[in-house]
Protein backbone atom coordinates (compact mmCIF):
# COMPACT_ATOMS: atom_id res chain seq x y z
CA MET A 1 94.65 165.37 57.88
CA ALA A 2 92.12 163.99 60.35
CA ARG A 3 90.92 164.86 63.83
CA LEU A 4 91.85 161.93 66.03
CA ALA A 5 91.46 160.69 69.58
CA PHE A 6 93.82 158.11 71.05
CA LEU A 7 92.80 156.21 74.19
CA GLY A 8 95.51 154.38 76.14
CA LEU A 9 99.12 155.52 76.29
CA GLY A 10 101.01 152.45 77.43
CA VAL A 11 104.21 151.11 75.90
CA MET A 12 102.37 150.63 72.59
CA GLY A 13 99.85 153.45 72.54
CA PHE A 14 102.27 156.23 73.52
CA PRO A 15 104.49 155.88 70.43
CA MET A 16 101.58 154.98 68.14
CA ALA A 17 99.81 158.22 69.04
CA GLY A 18 103.11 160.01 68.54
CA HIS A 19 103.35 158.78 64.95
CA LEU A 20 99.86 160.12 64.27
CA ALA A 21 100.86 163.56 65.55
CA ALA A 22 104.08 163.46 63.53
CA LYS A 23 102.01 162.87 60.37
CA GLY A 24 100.17 166.12 61.00
CA HIS A 25 96.90 164.78 62.39
CA THR A 26 95.18 166.70 65.18
CA VAL A 27 95.39 164.34 68.17
CA LYS A 28 93.61 164.48 71.53
CA VAL A 29 94.71 161.80 74.01
CA TYR A 30 93.21 160.12 77.04
CA ASN A 31 94.87 157.85 79.56
CA ARG A 32 93.50 156.41 82.78
CA THR A 33 96.61 157.78 84.53
CA PRO A 34 96.62 161.49 83.58
CA ALA A 35 100.38 161.84 84.09
CA LYS A 36 101.01 159.75 80.98
CA ALA A 37 98.73 161.97 78.92
CA GLU A 38 100.52 165.04 80.26
CA ALA A 39 103.88 163.52 79.30
CA TRP A 40 102.59 162.71 75.81
CA VAL A 41 101.33 166.26 75.24
CA ALA A 42 104.63 167.67 76.52
CA ARG A 43 106.50 165.58 73.94
CA HIS A 44 104.17 165.61 70.96
CA GLY A 45 101.83 168.58 71.36
CA GLY A 46 98.13 168.07 70.87
CA THR A 47 95.74 168.09 73.80
CA MET A 48 94.54 165.76 76.54
CA ALA A 49 91.06 164.92 77.74
CA ALA A 50 89.60 164.00 81.11
CA SER A 51 87.45 161.17 79.72
CA PRO A 52 87.15 158.99 76.61
CA ALA A 53 83.94 160.84 75.66
CA GLU A 54 85.70 164.19 75.83
CA ALA A 55 88.59 162.90 73.76
CA ALA A 56 86.22 161.48 71.14
CA ALA A 57 84.08 164.59 70.74
CA GLY A 58 84.42 165.86 67.18
CA ALA A 59 86.95 163.20 66.17
CA ASP A 60 86.86 161.51 62.79
CA PHE A 61 88.61 158.43 64.20
CA VAL A 62 89.01 157.19 67.76
CA MET A 63 91.91 154.79 68.25
CA ALA A 64 92.25 152.65 71.39
CA CYS A 65 95.04 150.50 72.79
CA VAL A 66 94.15 149.42 76.31
CA GLY A 67 94.55 146.26 78.39
CA ASN A 68 91.77 143.68 78.12
CA ASP A 69 88.06 143.11 77.44
CA ASP A 70 86.92 144.97 80.56
CA ASP A 71 89.24 147.91 79.88
CA LEU A 72 87.91 148.17 76.33
CA ARG A 73 84.29 148.12 77.49
CA ALA A 74 85.14 150.82 80.03
CA VAL A 75 86.56 153.23 77.44
CA CYS A 76 83.73 152.59 74.97
CA LEU A 77 80.54 152.44 77.04
CA GLY A 78 78.74 154.54 79.63
CA GLU A 79 78.21 158.28 79.91
CA THR A 80 81.95 159.00 79.83
CA GLY A 81 82.78 156.32 77.24
CA ALA A 82 84.00 157.14 73.76
CA PHE A 83 80.78 156.04 72.04
CA ALA A 84 78.88 158.73 73.97
CA GLY A 85 81.13 161.44 72.58
CA MET A 86 81.52 160.26 68.98
CA ARG A 87 79.58 161.92 66.19
CA PRO A 88 77.57 159.76 63.76
CA GLY A 89 79.80 158.39 61.01
CA ALA A 90 82.98 158.51 63.10
CA ILE A 91 85.01 155.29 63.25
CA PHE A 92 86.38 153.52 66.32
CA VAL A 93 89.62 151.60 65.69
CA ASP A 94 90.55 149.12 68.41
CA HIS A 95 94.21 148.10 68.58
CA THR A 96 93.77 146.17 71.85
CA THR A 97 94.18 142.39 71.82
CA VAL A 98 90.83 141.21 73.17
CA SER A 99 88.34 138.42 72.57
CA ALA A 100 86.40 138.27 69.33
CA LYS A 101 83.28 138.10 71.50
CA VAL A 102 83.75 141.59 73.00
CA THR A 103 84.76 142.90 69.58
CA ARG A 104 81.49 141.75 68.02
CA GLU A 105 79.52 143.02 71.01
CA LEU A 106 81.01 146.50 70.73
CA ALA A 107 80.83 146.55 66.94
CA ALA A 108 77.08 145.87 67.18
CA GLU A 109 76.67 148.63 69.76
CA ALA A 110 78.65 151.03 67.56
CA ALA A 111 76.50 150.20 64.54
CA ALA A 112 73.33 150.84 66.55
CA ARG A 113 74.68 154.31 67.29
CA GLY A 114 75.62 155.03 63.67
CA LEU A 115 79.34 154.56 64.31
CA GLY A 116 81.95 152.50 62.49
CA PHE A 117 84.10 149.92 64.28
CA VAL A 118 87.31 148.24 63.12
CA ASP A 119 89.11 145.64 65.24
CA ALA A 120 92.79 146.11 64.47
CA PRO A 121 95.12 144.30 66.88
CA VAL A 122 98.82 144.73 66.24
CA SER A 123 102.01 142.67 66.29
CA GLY A 124 105.57 143.88 66.48
CA GLY A 125 105.95 144.77 70.12
CA GLN A 126 107.26 147.96 71.64
CA ALA A 127 110.03 148.24 69.05
CA GLY A 128 107.52 147.96 66.23
CA ALA A 129 105.36 150.67 67.79
CA GLU A 130 108.32 152.99 68.31
CA ASN A 131 109.62 152.45 64.77
CA GLY A 132 106.20 152.71 63.13
CA ALA A 133 106.56 149.17 61.78
CA LEU A 134 103.64 147.22 63.21
CA SER A 135 101.68 144.44 61.52
CA VAL A 136 97.99 145.31 61.80
CA MET A 137 95.27 142.65 61.41
CA CYS A 138 91.81 144.06 60.83
CA GLY A 139 88.19 143.03 60.85
CA GLY A 140 85.04 145.00 60.19
CA ASP A 141 83.05 146.71 57.47
CA ALA A 142 85.07 147.11 54.27
CA ALA A 143 84.21 150.79 53.87
CA CYS A 144 85.18 151.59 57.46
CA TYR A 145 88.46 149.75 56.99
CA ALA A 146 89.19 151.61 53.75
CA ALA A 147 88.65 154.93 55.53
CA ALA A 148 90.81 153.98 58.52
CA GLU A 149 93.71 152.33 56.69
CA PRO A 150 95.46 155.57 55.62
CA VAL A 151 95.42 156.73 59.25
CA ILE A 152 96.68 153.39 60.58
CA ALA A 153 99.50 153.59 58.02
CA ALA A 154 101.26 156.09 60.31
CA TYR A 155 102.56 153.20 62.43
CA ALA A 156 102.03 150.16 60.19
CA LYS A 157 104.50 148.12 58.17
CA ILE A 158 101.55 146.15 56.81
CA CYS A 159 97.81 146.51 57.36
CA ARG A 160 95.21 144.08 56.02
CA ARG A 161 91.48 143.46 56.40
CA LEU A 162 90.81 139.76 56.93
CA GLY A 163 87.02 139.74 57.19
CA GLU A 164 84.08 141.02 59.20
CA SER A 165 84.13 142.09 62.85
CA GLY A 166 86.27 139.76 64.95
CA ALA A 167 88.47 138.61 62.06
CA GLY A 168 91.32 140.86 63.19
CA GLN A 169 91.21 139.38 66.68
CA MET A 170 91.12 135.85 65.28
CA ALA A 171 94.20 136.66 63.19
CA LYS A 172 96.00 138.02 66.26
CA MET A 173 95.25 134.74 68.04
CA CYS A 174 96.90 132.88 65.14
CA ASN A 175 99.89 135.19 65.57
CA GLN A 176 100.24 134.44 69.28
CA ILE A 177 99.76 130.70 68.75
CA ALA A 178 102.59 130.69 66.20
CA ILE A 179 104.89 132.70 68.46
CA ALA A 180 104.34 130.52 71.54
CA GLY A 181 105.52 127.28 69.96
CA LEU A 182 108.34 129.00 68.06
CA VAL A 183 109.84 130.66 71.14
CA GLN A 184 109.73 127.40 73.10
CA GLY A 185 111.48 125.63 70.23
CA LEU A 186 114.17 128.33 70.08
CA ALA A 187 114.63 128.18 73.86
CA GLU A 188 115.10 124.42 73.74
CA SER A 189 117.53 124.69 70.82
CA LEU A 190 119.73 127.23 72.60
CA HIS A 191 119.54 125.34 75.89
CA PHE A 192 120.58 122.14 74.12
CA ALA A 193 123.46 123.96 72.39
CA GLN A 194 124.77 125.30 75.68
CA LYS A 195 124.67 121.85 77.27
CA ALA A 196 126.52 120.49 74.22
CA GLY A 197 129.25 123.14 74.54
CA LEU A 198 128.51 124.88 71.25
CA SER A 199 129.13 128.57 70.59
CA ILE A 200 125.70 130.18 70.45
CA PRO A 201 126.70 133.09 68.15
CA GLU A 202 128.39 130.72 65.71
CA LEU A 203 125.50 128.27 65.84
CA VAL A 204 122.90 130.97 65.22
CA GLU A 205 124.93 132.40 62.35
CA VAL A 206 124.75 129.04 60.61
CA ILE A 207 121.26 127.75 61.36
CA SER A 208 119.53 131.13 60.99
CA GLN A 209 120.36 131.01 57.28
CA GLY A 210 118.41 127.77 56.83
CA ALA A 211 114.95 126.49 57.63
CA ALA A 212 115.37 127.20 61.36
CA GLY A 213 115.68 130.94 60.80
CA SER A 214 113.02 133.26 62.25
CA TRP A 215 112.46 136.79 63.53
CA GLN A 216 112.76 135.44 67.07
CA MET A 217 116.12 133.84 66.32
CA ALA A 218 117.46 136.95 64.60
CA ASN A 219 116.32 139.33 67.34
CA ARG A 220 116.27 137.30 70.56
CA ALA A 221 118.86 134.50 70.41
CA GLY A 222 121.68 136.78 71.58
CA THR A 223 119.75 138.25 74.47
CA MET A 224 118.42 134.84 75.45
CA GLU A 225 122.01 133.59 75.69
CA GLN A 226 122.85 136.56 77.91
CA GLY A 227 119.80 136.05 80.13
CA LYS A 228 118.39 139.49 79.31
CA PHE A 229 114.62 139.58 79.15
CA ASP A 230 113.57 143.24 79.11
CA PHE A 231 112.76 143.55 75.42
CA GLY A 232 109.11 144.31 74.83
CA PHE A 233 106.11 142.02 75.13
CA ALA A 234 105.77 140.72 78.69
CA VAL A 235 104.92 137.21 79.86
CA ASP A 236 101.89 138.54 81.76
CA TRP A 237 100.48 139.94 78.52
CA MET A 238 101.28 136.78 76.60
CA ARG A 239 99.39 134.66 79.12
CA LYS A 240 96.40 136.97 78.78
CA ASP A 241 96.51 136.51 75.01
CA LEU A 242 97.02 132.75 75.16
CA GLY A 243 94.07 132.52 77.54
CA ILE A 244 91.94 134.15 74.84
CA CYS A 245 93.33 131.71 72.27
CA LEU A 246 92.59 128.66 74.38
CA ALA A 247 89.09 129.82 75.32
CA THR A 248 88.29 130.51 71.67
CA ALA A 249 89.69 127.12 70.65
CA ASN A 250 87.23 125.50 73.05
CA GLU A 251 84.41 127.40 71.35
CA THR A 252 85.51 126.59 67.79
CA GLY A 253 86.69 123.02 68.36
CA ALA A 254 90.31 123.77 67.40
CA SER A 255 93.04 121.64 68.98
CA LEU A 256 95.96 123.60 70.48
CA PRO A 257 98.06 121.10 72.47
CA VAL A 258 101.39 122.92 72.07
CA THR A 259 99.86 126.29 72.88
CA ALA A 260 98.29 124.89 76.05
CA LEU A 261 101.63 123.40 77.10
CA VAL A 262 103.61 126.58 76.45
CA ASP A 263 100.99 128.59 78.35
CA GLN A 264 101.81 126.45 81.39
CA PHE A 265 105.52 127.03 80.81
CA TYR A 266 104.85 130.77 80.89
CA LYS A 267 102.96 130.19 84.14
CA ASP A 268 106.17 128.65 85.51
CA VAL A 269 108.09 131.76 84.44
CA GLN A 270 105.57 133.90 86.32
CA LYS A 271 106.18 131.80 89.43
CA MET A 272 109.90 132.53 88.99
CA GLY A 273 109.10 136.24 89.24
CA GLY A 274 109.29 136.78 85.50
CA GLY A 275 105.84 138.13 84.78
CA ARG A 276 107.31 141.32 83.36
CA TRP A 277 110.12 139.58 81.48
CA ASP A 278 109.65 139.37 77.73
CA THR A 279 108.42 136.19 76.09
CA SER A 280 111.90 134.93 75.24
CA SER A 281 112.34 134.19 78.96
CA LEU A 282 111.14 130.62 78.40
CA ILE A 283 114.82 129.71 78.32
CA ALA A 284 115.17 130.81 81.96
CA ARG A 285 112.74 128.08 82.92
CA LEU A 286 114.89 125.45 81.19
CA ARG A 287 118.04 126.75 82.86
CA ALA A 288 116.29 126.49 86.21
CA GLY A 289 115.53 122.84 85.51
CA GLY A 290 111.91 123.34 84.38
């Protein structure tokens, strides 16, 4: 069993840290809002820290799941940042979805301090985190990954290293690009079916068994029909991720016309007041005449 720190106890980090404690690891948590850390300790045991550096002191692995590039820099750098508290040879595992640029920047800083760094963004949403069934896409030094993988396994359905630092973030961008177009296609299909007077449950039962089938169809078609959009990954977060995808595409020369279009559709959903709705809410835009 390892000594761990977990930084960031949002809808993903809270259950992920819980799985680590349930596996018998010694876990010290930090959250920008102390009340969440207090609630986590009350439920799972362990201890809480007043700063990332305090949480990281003596830890073998420091896991983070925060909001964006700036949030990640804030928990890593400075006198109270995790890097300041980590011992040489300890490994930082970042589960945040951020840019590959900040990942490489922080990986270089970690290496200069004698620390390991693995970028390990996740997919599977809140349900995946709660059920310990996340897909984890990793980048970084092979030896650091090999050391971290057994710890990550506490909440992973699959975990793979895809290359050097930044490769995990690039893979997560591929994930979000694939989801964006798929959800829009599913929304249009269900909207078309409703206009045609078809039974959505009967339709989905049939077409989900063929080439149109997907995780989104199996898990979201019913709630999309009902207009319920409080299931996990929010539109605000998706737009943050798609912004990273589009900016990176400009740097690499990749063409993402569908992703750019769907990003604007999500912007329309935000204007409808749906920033905290889950990503399947694209159908609400169509129903509103978008």
